[in-house]
Amino acid sequence: MSFALTRRAIELRLKTVTRRSVTTWRHLQVGDLLRAVYKCQGLKRGEQQERLAVILVTGVRVEPLEAIDADDVRREGFED
């Protein structure tokens, strides 16, 4: 899973929430482990993915994006 926009929050372990498309991640379950990388698309020939962390999924829910509040925005890794 790519975290190009929130790399610093991942590295500092401040990012505790991630929202992703239901259609892409519909099989995600509590207990799954995910590899966080800086970017995973658009790599040039010979480039390697830069690994940032391993993520343990502790909860999964479906909700409209409009349901996000200021606190969740911070937990997503965006300070402003």
PDB file of N, CA and C in Angstrom:
ATOM      1  N   MET A   1       0.852  -1.161   0.000  1.00  0.00           N
ATOM      2  CA  MET A   1       0.000   0.000   0.000  1.00  0.00           C
ATOM      3  C   MET A   1       0.906   1.234   0.000  1.00  0.00           C
ATOM      4  N   SER A   2       0.638   2.151  -0.890  1.00  0.00           N
ATOM      5  CA  SER A   2       1.467   3.330  -1.067  1.00  0.00           C
ATOM      6  C   SER A   2       1.057   4.473  -0.130  1.00  0.00           C
ATOM      7  N   PHE A   3       2.071   5.166   0.421  1.00  0.00           N
ATOM      8  CA  PHE A   3       1.833   6.285   1.330  1.00  0.00           C
ATOM      9  C   PHE A   3       2.717   7.477   0.973  1.00  0.00           C
ATOM     10  N   ALA A   4       2.722   7.853  -0.300  1.00  0.00           N
ATOM     11  CA  ALA A   4       3.569   8.951  -0.758  1.00  0.00           C
ATOM     12  C   ALA A   4       3.203  10.281  -0.094  1.00  0.00           C
ATOM     13  N   LEU A   5       1.923  10.531   0.102  1.00  0.00           N
ATOM     14  CA  LEU A   5       1.495  11.818   0.677  1.00  0.00           C
ATOM     15  C   LEU A   5       1.631  11.882   2.192  1.00  0.00           C
ATOM     16  N   THR A   6       1.681  10.743   2.845  1.00  0.00           N
ATOM     17  CA  THR A   6       1.724  10.727   4.315  1.00  0.00           C
ATOM     18  C   THR A   6       2.948   9.980   4.832  1.00  0.00           C
ATOM     19  N   ARG A   7       4.010   9.992   4.054  1.00  0.00           N
ATOM     20  CA  ARG A   7       5.222   9.263   4.405  1.00  0.00           C
ATOM     21  C   ARG A   7       5.732   9.631   5.800  1.00  0.00           C
ATOM     22  N   ARG A   8       5.858  10.913   6.073  1.00  0.00           N
ATOM     23  CA  ARG A   8       6.408  11.365   7.362  1.00  0.00           C
ATOM     24  C   ARG A   8       5.558  10.867   8.535  1.00  0.00           C
ATOM     25  N   ALA A   9       4.245  10.921   8.403  1.00  0.00           N
ATOM     26  CA  ALA A   9       3.355  10.448   9.469  1.00  0.00           C
ATOM     27  C   ALA A   9       3.518   8.949   9.694  1.00  0.00           C
ATOM     28  N   ILE A  10       3.734   8.186   8.623  1.00  0.00           N
ATOM     29  CA  ILE A  10       3.987   6.743   8.759  1.00  0.00           C
ATOM     30  C   ILE A  10       5.301   6.520   9.499  1.00  0.00           C
ATOM     31  N   GLU A  11       6.352   7.229   9.081  1.00  0.00           N
ATOM     32  CA  GLU A  11       7.665   7.057   9.701  1.00  0.00           C
ATOM     33  C   GLU A  11       7.663   7.421  11.183  1.00  0.00           C
ATOM     34  N   LEU A  12       6.899   8.450  11.551  1.00  0.00           N
ATOM     35  CA  LEU A  12       6.807   8.880  12.953  1.00  0.00           C
ATOM     36  C   LEU A  12       5.756   8.102  13.745  1.00  0.00           C
ATOM     37  N   ARG A  13       5.062   7.180  13.065  1.00  0.00           N
ATOM     38  CA  ARG A  13       4.008   6.358  13.669  1.00  0.00           C
ATOM     39  C   ARG A  13       2.846   7.209  14.192  1.00  0.00           C
ATOM     40  N   LEU A  14       2.562   8.318  13.493  1.00  0.00           N
ATOM     41  CA  LEU A  14       1.450   9.191  13.849  1.00  0.00           C
ATOM     42  C   LEU A  14       0.185   8.836  13.085  1.00  0.00           C
ATOM     43  N   LYS A  15       0.318   8.193  11.950  1.00  0.00           N
ATOM     44  CA  LYS A  15      -0.826   7.836  11.105  1.00  0.00           C
ATOM     45  C   LYS A  15      -1.450   6.553  11.653  1.00  0.00           C
ATOM     46  N   THR A  16      -2.693   6.644  12.059  1.00  0.00           N
ATOM     47  CA  THR A  16      -3.369   5.485  12.654  1.00  0.00           C
ATOM     48  C   THR A  16      -4.642   5.092  11.915  1.00  0.00           C
ATOM     49  N   VAL A  17      -4.989   5.842  10.869  1.00  0.00           N
ATOM     50  CA  VAL A  17      -6.202   5.578  10.099  1.00  0.00           C
ATOM     51  C   VAL A  17      -5.858   5.669   8.618  1.00  0.00           C
ATOM     52  N   THR A  18      -6.421   4.771   7.831  1.00  0.00           N
ATOM     53  CA  THR A  18      -6.244   4.811   6.378  1.00  0.00           C
ATOM     54  C   THR A  18      -7.562   4.481   5.708  1.00  0.00           C
ATOM     55  N   ARG A  19      -7.941   5.305   4.762  1.00  0.00           N
ATOM     56  CA  ARG A  19      -9.157   5.043   3.993  1.00  0.00           C
ATOM     57  C   ARG A  19      -8.772   4.599   2.594  1.00  0.00           C
ATOM     58  N   ARG A  20      -9.427   3.570   2.128  1.00  0.00           N
ATOM     59  CA  ARG A  20      -9.173   3.052   0.794  1.00  0.00           C
ATOM     60  C   ARG A  20     -10.489   2.665   0.148  1.00  0.00           C
ATOM     61  N   SER A  21     -10.451   2.487  -1.155  1.00  0.00           N
ATOM     62  CA  SER A  21     -11.634   2.121  -1.931  1.00  0.00           C
ATOM     63  C   SER A  21     -12.185   0.769  -1.491  1.00  0.00           C
ATOM     64  N   VAL A  22     -13.485   0.709  -1.317  1.00  0.00           N
ATOM     65  CA  VAL A  22     -14.147  -0.542  -0.942  1.00  0.00           C
ATOM     66  C   VAL A  22     -13.945  -1.597  -2.013  1.00  0.00           C
ATOM     67  N   THR A  23     -14.008  -1.198  -3.259  1.00  0.00           N
ATOM     68  CA  THR A  23     -13.903  -2.188  -4.339  1.00  0.00           C
ATOM     69  C   THR A  23     -12.515  -2.817  -4.392  1.00  0.00           C
ATOM     70  N   THR A  24     -11.489  -2.039  -4.097  1.00  0.00           N
ATOM     71  CA  THR A  24     -10.126  -2.562  -4.150  1.00  0.00           C
ATOM     72  C   THR A  24      -9.769  -3.387  -2.918  1.00  0.00           C
ATOM     73  N   TRP A  25     -10.248  -2.991  -1.758  1.00  0.00           N
ATOM     74  CA  TRP A  25      -9.843  -3.600  -0.495  1.00  0.00           C
ATOM     75  C   TRP A  25     -10.978  -4.355   0.187  1.00  0.00           C
ATOM     76  N   ARG A  26     -11.942  -4.864  -0.566  1.00  0.00           N
ATOM     77  CA  ARG A  26     -13.131  -5.485   0.021  1.00  0.00           C
ATOM     78  C   ARG A  26     -12.840  -6.754   0.821  1.00  0.00           C
ATOM     79  N   HIS A  27     -11.687  -7.384   0.618  1.00  0.00           N
ATOM     80  CA  HIS A  27     -11.368  -8.622   1.334  1.00  0.00           C
ATOM     81  C   HIS A  27     -10.513  -8.384   2.581  1.00  0.00           C
ATOM     82  N   LEU A  28     -10.217  -7.137   2.886  1.00  0.00           N
ATOM     83  CA  LEU A  28      -9.396  -6.805   4.042  1.00  0.00           C
ATOM     84  C   LEU A  28     -10.091  -7.236   5.328  1.00  0.00           C
ATOM     85  N   GLN A  29      -9.320  -7.837   6.239  1.00  0.00           N
ATOM     86  CA  GLN A  29      -9.880  -8.324   7.496  1.00  0.00           C
ATOM     87  C   GLN A  29      -8.996  -7.901   8.665  1.00  0.00           C
ATOM     88  N   VAL A  30      -9.589  -7.811   9.836  1.00  0.00           N
ATOM     89  CA  VAL A  30      -8.839  -7.545  11.056  1.00  0.00           C
ATOM     90  C   VAL A  30      -7.787  -8.641  11.207  1.00  0.00           C
ATOM     91  N   GLY A  31      -6.569  -8.230  11.530  1.00  0.00           N
ATOM     92  CA  GLY A  31      -5.469  -9.175  11.687  1.00  0.00           C
ATOM     93  C   GLY A  31      -4.563  -9.268  10.463  1.00  0.00           C
ATOM     94  N   ASP A  32      -5.026  -8.754   9.314  1.00  0.00           N
ATOM     95  CA  ASP A  32      -4.188  -8.761   8.114  1.00  0.00           C
ATOM     96  C   ASP A  32      -2.964  -7.865   8.328  1.00  0.00           C
ATOM     97  N   LEU A  33      -1.856  -8.233   7.707  1.00  0.00           N
ATOM     98  CA  LEU A  33      -0.651  -7.418   7.716  1.00  0.00           C
ATOM     99  C   LEU A  33      -0.452  -6.822   6.329  1.00  0.00           C
ATOM    100  N   LEU A  34      -0.122  -5.543   6.288  1.00  0.00           N
ATOM    101  CA  LEU A  34       0.104  -4.831   5.030  1.00  0.00           C
ATOM    102  C   LEU A  34       1.494  -4.215   5.049  1.00  0.00           C
ATOM    103  N   ARG A  35       2.124  -4.162   3.901  1.00  0.00           N
ATOM    104  CA  ARG A  35       3.425  -3.509   3.785  1.00  0.00           C
ATOM    105  C   ARG A  35       3.198  -2.075   3.306  1.00  0.00           C
ATOM    106  N   ALA A  36       3.646  -1.102   4.076  1.00  0.00           N
ATOM    107  CA  ALA A  36       3.563   0.304   3.681  1.00  0.00           C
ATOM    108  C   ALA A  36       4.823   0.651   2.901  1.00  0.00           C
ATOM    109  N   VAL A  37       4.639   1.219   1.708  1.00  0.00           N
ATOM    110  CA  VAL A  37       5.772   1.632   0.878  1.00  0.00           C
ATOM    111  C   VAL A  37       5.599   3.100   0.502  1.00  0.00           C
ATOM    112  N   TYR A  38       6.718   3.734   0.127  1.00  0.00           N
ATOM    113  CA  TYR A  38       6.659   5.142  -0.269  1.00  0.00           C
ATOM    114  C   TYR A  38       5.841   5.304  -1.544  1.00  0.00           C
ATOM    115  N   LYS A  39       6.169   4.539  -2.570  1.00  0.00           N
ATOM    116  CA  LYS A  39       5.342   4.528  -3.776  1.00  0.00           C
ATOM    117  C   LYS A  39       5.507   3.168  -4.436  1.00  0.00           C
ATOM    118  N   CYS A  40       4.464   2.751  -5.144  1.00  0.00           N
ATOM    119  CA  CYS A  40       4.520   1.425  -5.761  1.00  0.00           C
ATOM    120  C   CYS A  40       4.183   1.461  -7.245  1.00  0.00           C
ATOM    121  N   GLN A  41       3.795   2.595  -7.771  1.00  0.00           N
ATOM    122  CA  GLN A  41       3.549   2.730  -9.199  1.00  0.00           C
ATOM    123  C   GLN A  41       4.465   3.812  -9.752  1.00  0.00           C
ATOM    124  N   GLY A  42       4.785   3.706 -11.026  1.00  0.00           N
ATOM    125  CA  GLY A  42       5.624   4.706 -11.668  1.00  0.00           C
ATOM    126  C   GLY A  42       7.092   4.549 -11.348  1.00  0.00           C
ATOM    127  N   LEU A  43       7.496   3.379 -10.860  1.00  0.00           N
ATOM    128  CA  LEU A  43       8.912   3.148 -10.590  1.00  0.00           C
ATOM    129  C   LEU A  43       9.654   2.969 -11.916  1.00  0.00           C
ATOM    130  N   LYS A  44      10.834   3.544 -11.990  1.00  0.00           N
ATOM    131  CA  LYS A  44      11.653   3.391 -13.185  1.00  0.00           C
ATOM    132  C   LYS A  44      12.353   2.037 -13.159  1.00  0.00           C
ATOM    133  N   ARG A  45      12.788   1.598 -14.296  1.00  0.00           N
ATOM    134  CA  ARG A  45      13.466   0.314 -14.413  1.00  0.00           C
ATOM    135  C   ARG A  45      14.619   0.241 -13.400  1.00  0.00           C
ATOM    136  N   GLY A  46      14.632  -0.799 -12.617  1.00  0.00           N
ATOM    137  CA  GLY A  46      15.679  -0.997 -11.617  1.00  0.00           C
ATOM    138  C   GLY A  46      15.370  -0.394 -10.257  1.00  0.00           C
ATOM    139  N   GLU A  47      14.373   0.489 -10.176  1.00  0.00           N
ATOM    140  CA  GLU A  47      14.004   1.078  -8.879  1.00  0.00           C
ATOM    141  C   GLU A  47      13.306   0.044  -8.016  1.00  0.00           C
ATOM    142  N   GLN A  48      13.527   0.135  -6.738  1.00  0.00           N
ATOM    143  CA  GLN A  48      12.898  -0.764  -5.776  1.00  0.00           C
ATOM    144  C   GLN A  48      11.870   0.013  -4.956  1.00  0.00           C
ATOM    145  N   GLN A  49      10.879  -0.698  -4.463  1.00  0.00           N
ATOM    146  CA  GLN A  49       9.937  -0.060  -3.548  1.00  0.00           C
ATOM    147  C   GLN A  49      10.672   0.266  -2.256  1.00  0.00           C
ATOM    148  N   GLU A  50      10.410   1.445  -1.727  1.00  0.00           N
ATOM    149  CA  GLU A  50      11.006   1.858  -0.457  1.00  0.00           C
ATOM    150  C   GLU A  50      10.039   1.497   0.667  1.00  0.00           C
ATOM    151  N   ARG A  51      10.414   0.512   1.449  1.00  0.00           N
ATOM    152  CA  ARG A  51       9.542   0.029   2.529  1.00  0.00           C
ATOM    153  C   ARG A  51       9.576   0.986   3.704  1.00  0.00           C
ATOM    154  N   LEU A  52       8.383   1.276   4.236  1.00  0.00           N
ATOM    155  CA  LEU A  52       8.259   2.206   5.354  1.00  0.00           C
ATOM    156  C   LEU A  52       7.882   1.514   6.655  1.00  0.00           C
ATOM    157  N   ALA A  53       6.984   0.549   6.588  1.00  0.00           N
ATOM    158  CA  ALA A  53       6.485  -0.082   7.812  1.00  0.00           C
ATOM    159  C   ALA A  53       5.638  -1.302   7.457  1.00  0.00           C
ATOM    160  N   VAL A  54       5.320  -2.073   8.486  1.00  0.00           N
ATOM    161  CA  VAL A  54       4.331  -3.135   8.376  1.00  0.00           C
ATOM    162  C   VAL A  54       3.134  -2.687   9.202  1.00  0.00           C
ATOM    163  N   ILE A  55       1.950  -2.813   8.625  1.00  0.00           N
ATOM    164  CA  ILE A  55       0.721  -2.343   9.264  1.00  0.00           C
ATOM    165  C   ILE A  55      -0.129  -3.532   9.672  1.00  0.00           C
ATOM    166  N   LEU A  56      -0.584  -3.528  10.912  1.00  0.00           N
ATOM    167  CA  LEU A  56      -1.527  -4.526  11.397  1.00  0.00           C
ATOM    168  C   LEU A  56      -2.920  -3.918  11.333  1.00  0.00           C
ATOM    169  N   VAL A  57      -3.830  -4.557  10.617  1.00  0.00           N
ATOM    170  CA  VAL A  57      -5.207  -4.070  10.498  1.00  0.00           C
ATOM    171  C   VAL A  57      -5.940  -4.407  11.797  1.00  0.00           C
ATOM    172  N   THR A  58      -6.436  -3.365  12.481  1.00  0.00           N
ATOM    173  CA  THR A  58      -7.135  -3.562  13.754  1.00  0.00           C
ATOM    174  C   THR A  58      -8.635  -3.317  13.653  1.00  0.00           C
ATOM    175  N   GLY A  59      -9.076  -2.793  12.514  1.00  0.00           N
ATOM    176  CA  GLY A  59     -10.505  -2.563  12.326  1.00  0.00           C
ATOM    177  C   GLY A  59     -10.806  -2.288  10.868  1.00  0.00           C
ATOM    178  N   VAL A  60     -11.973  -2.706  10.445  1.00  0.00           N
ATOM    179  CA  VAL A  60     -12.415  -2.471   9.063  1.00  0.00           C
ATOM    180  C   VAL A  60     -13.871  -2.030   9.114  1.00  0.00           C
ATOM    181  N   ARG A  61     -14.179  -0.936   8.424  1.00  0.00           N
ATOM    182  CA  ARG A  61     -15.570  -0.499   8.335  1.00  0.00           C
ATOM    183  C   ARG A  61     -15.770   0.238   7.017  1.00  0.00           C
ATOM    184  N   VAL A  62     -17.000   0.259   6.568  1.00  0.00           N
ATOM    185  CA  VAL A  62     -17.357   0.965   5.345  1.00  0.00           C
ATOM    186  C   VAL A  62     -18.157   2.194   5.745  1.00  0.00           C
ATOM    187  N   GLU A  63     -17.737   3.345   5.244  1.00  0.00           N
ATOM    188  CA  GLU A  63     -18.444   4.580   5.533  1.00  0.00           C
ATOM    189  C   GLU A  63     -18.214   5.557   4.398  1.00  0.00           C
ATOM    190  N   PRO A  64     -19.115   6.503   4.213  1.00  0.00           N
ATOM    191  CA  PRO A  64     -18.921   7.500   3.157  1.00  0.00           C
ATOM    192  C   PRO A  64     -17.736   8.406   3.493  1.00  0.00           C
ATOM    193  N   LEU A  65     -17.024   8.839   2.489  1.00  0.00           N
ATOM    194  CA  LEU A  65     -15.877   9.709   2.705  1.00  0.00           C
ATOM    195  C   LEU A  65     -16.289  10.999   3.406  1.00  0.00           C
ATOM    196  N   GLU A  66     -17.497  11.454   3.151  1.00  0.00           N
ATOM    197  CA  GLU A  66     -17.984  12.685   3.788  1.00  0.00           C
ATOM    198  C   GLU A  66     -18.085  12.560   5.309  1.00  0.00           C
ATOM    199  N   ALA A  67     -18.014  11.345   5.835  1.00  0.00           N
ATOM    200  CA  ALA A  67     -18.131  11.132   7.279  1.00  0.00           C
ATOM    201  C   ALA A  67     -16.847  11.498   8.020  1.00  0.00           C
ATOM    202  N   ILE A  68     -15.781  11.821   7.310  1.00  0.00           N
ATOM    203  CA  ILE A  68     -14.505  12.152   7.957  1.00  0.00           C
ATOM    204  C   ILE A  68     -14.628  13.471   8.714  1.00  0.00           C
ATOM    205  N   ASP A  69     -14.040  13.528   9.899  1.00  0.00           N
ATOM    206  CA  ASP A  69     -14.034  14.765  10.682  1.00  0.00           C
ATOM    207  C   ASP A  69     -12.583  15.223  10.872  1.00  0.00           C
ATOM    208  N   ALA A  70     -12.396  16.368  11.509  1.00  0.00           N
ATOM    209  CA  ALA A  70     -11.060  16.961  11.666  1.00  0.00           C
ATOM    210  C   ALA A  70     -10.113  16.030  12.419  1.00  0.00           C
ATOM    211  N   ASP A  71     -10.619  15.321  13.418  1.00  0.00           N
ATOM    212  CA  ASP A  71      -9.787  14.396  14.183  1.00  0.00           C
ATOM    213  C   ASP A  71      -9.297  13.247  13.300  1.00  0.00           C
ATOM    214  N   ASP A  72     -10.188  12.720  12.475  1.00  0.00           N
ATOM    215  CA  ASP A  72      -9.795  11.648  11.552  1.00  0.00           C
ATOM    216  C   ASP A  72      -8.793  12.139  10.509  1.00  0.00           C
ATOM    217  N   VAL A  73      -8.921  13.376  10.073  1.00  0.00           N
ATOM    218  CA  VAL A  73      -7.959  13.938   9.123  1.00  0.00           C
ATOM    219  C   VAL A  73      -6.570  13.918   9.734  1.00  0.00           C
ATOM    220  N   ARG A  74      -6.446  14.281  10.993  1.00  0.00           N
ATOM    221  CA  ARG A  74      -5.150  14.237  11.698  1.00  0.00           C
ATOM    222  C   ARG A  74      -4.657  12.794  11.814  1.00  0.00           C
ATOM    223  N   ARG A  75      -5.552  11.864  12.142  1.00  0.00           N
ATOM    224  CA  ARG A  75      -5.155  10.454  12.261  1.00  0.00           C
ATOM    225  C   ARG A  75      -4.744   9.877  10.913  1.00  0.00           C
ATOM    226  N   GLU A  76      -5.236  10.473   9.823  1.00  0.00           N
ATOM    227  CA  GLU A  76      -4.838  10.055   8.474  1.00  0.00           C
ATOM    228  C   GLU A  76      -3.426  10.535   8.139  1.00  0.00           C
ATOM    229  N   GLY A  77      -2.890  11.466   8.943  1.00  0.00           N
ATOM    230  CA  GLY A  77      -1.527  11.949   8.715  1.00  0.00           C
ATOM    231  C   GLY A  77      -1.432  13.322   8.131  1.00  0.00           C
ATOM    232  N   PHE A  78      -2.557  14.037   8.069  1.00  0.00           N
ATOM    233  CA  PHE A  78      -2.566  15.405   7.551  1.00  0.00           C
ATOM    234  C   PHE A  78      -2.790  16.363   8.712  1.00  0.00           C
ATOM    235  N   GLU A  79      -1.792  17.194   8.985  1.00  0.00           N
ATOM    236  CA  GLU A  79      -1.868  18.086  10.141  1.00  0.00           C
ATOM    237  C   GLU A  79      -2.781  19.285   9.934  1.00  0.00           C
ATOM    238  N   ASP A  80      -2.846  19.801   8.721  1.00  0.00           N
ATOM    239  CA  ASP A  80      -3.635  21.011   8.474  1.00  0.00           C
ATOM    240  C   ASP A  80      -4.974  20.656   7.888  1.00  0.00           C
TER     241      ASP A  80
END
